[in-house]
N, C-alpha and C. Protein backbone atom coordinates (compact mmCIF):
# COMPACT_ATOMS: atom_id res chain seq x y z
N MET A 1 0.84 -1.18 0.00
CA MET A 1 0.00 0.00 0.00
C MET A 1 0.88 1.24 0.00
N LYS A 2 0.62 2.15 -0.91
CA LYS A 2 1.47 3.34 -0.97
C LYS A 2 1.00 4.41 -0.01
N LYS A 3 2.00 5.07 0.58
CA LYS A 3 1.76 6.16 1.52
C LYS A 3 2.88 7.18 1.36
N ILE A 4 2.53 8.43 1.57
CA ILE A 4 3.53 9.50 1.59
C ILE A 4 3.36 10.22 2.92
N HIS A 5 4.40 10.20 3.72
CA HIS A 5 4.39 10.88 5.02
C HIS A 5 5.17 12.18 4.90
N ILE A 6 4.55 13.28 5.31
CA ILE A 6 5.23 14.57 5.32
C ILE A 6 5.23 15.08 6.76
N ASP A 7 6.41 15.24 7.31
CA ASP A 7 6.56 15.72 8.68
C ASP A 7 6.49 17.25 8.68
N GLU A 8 5.39 17.79 9.16
CA GLU A 8 5.20 19.24 9.17
C GLU A 8 6.21 19.96 10.06
N ASN A 9 6.78 19.24 11.02
CA ASN A 9 7.79 19.85 11.89
C ASN A 9 9.13 20.02 11.18
N LEU A 10 9.34 19.26 10.11
CA LEU A 10 10.59 19.36 9.35
C LEU A 10 10.43 20.13 8.04
N CYS A 11 9.24 20.10 7.46
CA CYS A 11 8.98 20.75 6.18
C CYS A 11 9.24 22.25 6.29
N THR A 12 9.97 22.78 5.30
CA THR A 12 10.29 24.21 5.29
C THR A 12 9.35 25.01 4.40
N GLY A 13 8.48 24.32 3.67
CA GLY A 13 7.55 25.01 2.78
C GLY A 13 8.20 25.53 1.52
N CYS A 14 9.35 24.99 1.17
CA CYS A 14 10.10 25.49 0.00
C CYS A 14 9.41 25.18 -1.32
N GLY A 15 8.63 24.08 -1.37
CA GLY A 15 7.89 23.74 -2.58
C GLY A 15 8.64 22.95 -3.62
N ILE A 16 9.88 22.58 -3.35
CA ILE A 16 10.65 21.81 -4.33
C ILE A 16 9.97 20.49 -4.64
N CYS A 17 9.45 19.82 -3.62
CA CYS A 17 8.77 18.54 -3.85
C CYS A 17 7.54 18.72 -4.73
N ILE A 18 6.84 19.82 -4.54
CA ILE A 18 5.65 20.11 -5.34
C ILE A 18 6.02 20.37 -6.79
N GLU A 19 7.06 21.15 -7.01
CA GLU A 19 7.49 21.51 -8.36
C GLU A 19 8.05 20.33 -9.15
N PHE A 20 8.77 19.45 -8.49
CA PHE A 20 9.43 18.36 -9.20
C PHE A 20 8.60 17.09 -9.33
N CYS A 21 7.48 16.99 -8.65
CA CYS A 21 6.64 15.80 -8.76
C CYS A 21 6.07 15.71 -10.17
N PRO A 22 6.39 14.63 -10.90
CA PRO A 22 5.92 14.52 -12.28
C PRO A 22 4.42 14.25 -12.41
N LYS A 23 3.76 13.87 -11.33
CA LYS A 23 2.34 13.52 -11.39
C LYS A 23 1.44 14.47 -10.57
N ASN A 24 1.99 15.58 -10.11
CA ASN A 24 1.23 16.58 -9.34
C ASN A 24 0.50 15.96 -8.15
N VAL A 25 1.23 15.16 -7.39
CA VAL A 25 0.66 14.49 -6.23
C VAL A 25 0.57 15.43 -5.03
N LEU A 26 1.50 16.36 -4.94
CA LEU A 26 1.60 17.23 -3.77
C LEU A 26 1.13 18.65 -4.06
N SER A 27 0.73 19.33 -3.01
CA SER A 27 0.34 20.73 -3.10
C SER A 27 0.67 21.39 -1.76
N TYR A 28 0.51 22.71 -1.71
CA TYR A 28 0.69 23.41 -0.43
C TYR A 28 -0.57 23.24 0.41
N SER A 29 -0.38 23.05 1.68
CA SER A 29 -1.51 22.98 2.60
C SER A 29 -2.13 24.38 2.70
N PRO A 30 -3.45 24.47 2.79
CA PRO A 30 -4.07 25.79 2.96
C PRO A 30 -3.93 26.31 4.40
N GLN A 31 -3.45 25.46 5.29
CA GLN A 31 -3.30 25.85 6.69
C GLN A 31 -1.83 25.96 7.07
N ARG A 32 -1.52 26.96 7.83
CA ARG A 32 -0.15 27.13 8.30
C ARG A 32 0.19 26.09 9.36
N SER A 33 1.44 25.71 9.39
CA SER A 33 1.91 24.78 10.42
C SER A 33 2.16 25.56 11.70
N ILE A 34 2.54 24.85 12.72
CA ILE A 34 2.86 25.48 14.01
C ILE A 34 4.02 26.48 13.86
N ARG A 35 4.86 26.25 12.84
CA ARG A 35 6.01 27.13 12.59
C ARG A 35 5.66 28.31 11.71
N GLY A 36 4.39 28.38 11.24
CA GLY A 36 3.95 29.53 10.45
C GLY A 36 4.17 29.41 8.96
N ILE A 37 4.48 28.22 8.47
CA ILE A 37 4.68 28.03 7.03
C ILE A 37 3.55 27.17 6.48
N TYR A 38 3.40 27.21 5.16
CA TYR A 38 2.42 26.35 4.49
C TYR A 38 3.16 25.11 3.99
N PRO A 39 3.06 24.01 4.72
CA PRO A 39 3.81 22.81 4.34
C PRO A 39 3.18 22.11 3.14
N ALA A 40 3.94 21.21 2.57
CA ALA A 40 3.41 20.38 1.49
C ALA A 40 2.41 19.39 2.07
N GLN A 41 1.47 18.99 1.23
CA GLN A 41 0.51 17.97 1.63
C GLN A 41 0.24 17.06 0.44
N VAL A 42 -0.23 15.86 0.72
CA VAL A 42 -0.59 14.91 -0.33
C VAL A 42 -1.99 15.26 -0.80
N GLU A 43 -2.12 15.48 -2.11
CA GLU A 43 -3.42 15.85 -2.66
C GLU A 43 -3.99 14.77 -3.58
N ASN A 44 -3.13 14.14 -4.37
CA ASN A 44 -3.57 13.16 -5.35
C ASN A 44 -2.77 11.86 -5.23
N LEU A 45 -2.91 11.17 -4.12
CA LEU A 45 -2.14 9.95 -3.90
C LEU A 45 -2.38 8.91 -4.99
N GLU A 46 -3.58 8.88 -5.54
CA GLU A 46 -3.91 7.88 -6.56
C GLU A 46 -3.06 8.03 -7.83
N THR A 47 -2.53 9.22 -8.10
CA THR A 47 -1.70 9.41 -9.29
C THR A 47 -0.22 9.14 -9.03
N CYS A 48 0.15 8.92 -7.78
CA CYS A 48 1.54 8.67 -7.41
C CYS A 48 2.04 7.36 -8.02
N THR A 49 3.22 7.43 -8.62
CA THR A 49 3.85 6.24 -9.22
C THR A 49 4.99 5.70 -8.37
N LEU A 50 5.14 6.25 -7.17
CA LEU A 50 6.20 5.84 -6.24
C LEU A 50 7.59 6.06 -6.81
N CYS A 51 7.76 7.13 -7.57
CA CYS A 51 9.07 7.44 -8.15
C CYS A 51 10.05 7.96 -7.09
N ARG A 52 9.52 8.45 -5.98
CA ARG A 52 10.29 8.96 -4.85
C ARG A 52 11.07 10.25 -5.14
N VAL A 53 10.72 10.96 -6.19
CA VAL A 53 11.40 12.21 -6.51
C VAL A 53 11.21 13.21 -5.37
N CYS A 54 10.01 13.27 -4.82
CA CYS A 54 9.75 14.20 -3.71
C CYS A 54 10.67 13.91 -2.53
N GLU A 55 10.81 12.65 -2.21
CA GLU A 55 11.66 12.22 -1.10
C GLU A 55 13.12 12.55 -1.37
N LEU A 56 13.57 12.32 -2.58
CA LEU A 56 14.97 12.56 -2.94
C LEU A 56 15.33 14.04 -2.96
N TYR A 57 14.39 14.90 -3.40
CA TYR A 57 14.68 16.33 -3.51
C TYR A 57 14.45 17.09 -2.21
N CYS A 58 13.83 16.48 -1.22
CA CYS A 58 13.54 17.19 0.03
C CYS A 58 14.83 17.35 0.85
N SER A 59 15.32 18.58 0.90
CA SER A 59 16.58 18.84 1.62
C SER A 59 16.38 18.80 3.14
N ALA A 60 15.14 18.86 3.60
CA ALA A 60 14.84 18.82 5.03
C ALA A 60 14.55 17.41 5.52
N PHE A 61 14.56 16.44 4.61
CA PHE A 61 14.25 15.04 4.95
C PHE A 61 12.89 14.92 5.62
N ALA A 62 11.92 15.70 5.13
CA ALA A 62 10.59 15.73 5.72
C ALA A 62 9.63 14.74 5.07
N ILE A 63 10.04 14.11 3.96
CA ILE A 63 9.14 13.23 3.22
C ILE A 63 9.66 11.80 3.24
N ALA A 64 8.74 10.88 3.51
CA ALA A 64 9.03 9.45 3.46
C ALA A 64 7.95 8.78 2.61
N VAL A 65 8.37 8.07 1.57
CA VAL A 65 7.44 7.39 0.68
C VAL A 65 7.50 5.90 1.00
N GLU A 66 6.33 5.29 1.15
CA GLU A 66 6.24 3.86 1.42
C GLU A 66 5.52 3.18 0.27
N GLY A 67 5.94 1.97 -0.02
CA GLY A 67 5.29 1.17 -1.06
C GLY A 67 6.28 0.69 -2.09
N GLU A 68 5.82 -0.21 -2.92
CA GLU A 68 6.65 -0.79 -3.98
C GLU A 68 6.01 -0.47 -5.33
N LYS A 69 6.83 -0.21 -6.33
CA LYS A 69 6.32 0.15 -7.66
C LYS A 69 5.45 -0.94 -8.28
N ASN A 70 5.68 -2.19 -7.93
CA ASN A 70 4.94 -3.28 -8.56
C ASN A 70 3.70 -3.69 -7.77
N GLU A 71 3.21 -2.80 -6.90
CA GLU A 71 2.00 -3.11 -6.11
C GLU A 71 0.77 -3.04 -6.98
């Protein structure tokens, strides 16, 4: 089962994961985090191909992708 975990305490709101996702899975949250930023959120999990680009490009290590491509 695929899952994308985004740790709002680590997310800096930079948007790199949103920009580089080839399937537009992520977006900015409409709500500010406790730190006052708009963190990334999962919006379209069903379109995710588990490429892990978001996880690889996250310089804050705030994203963890679970699942296998052949699921």
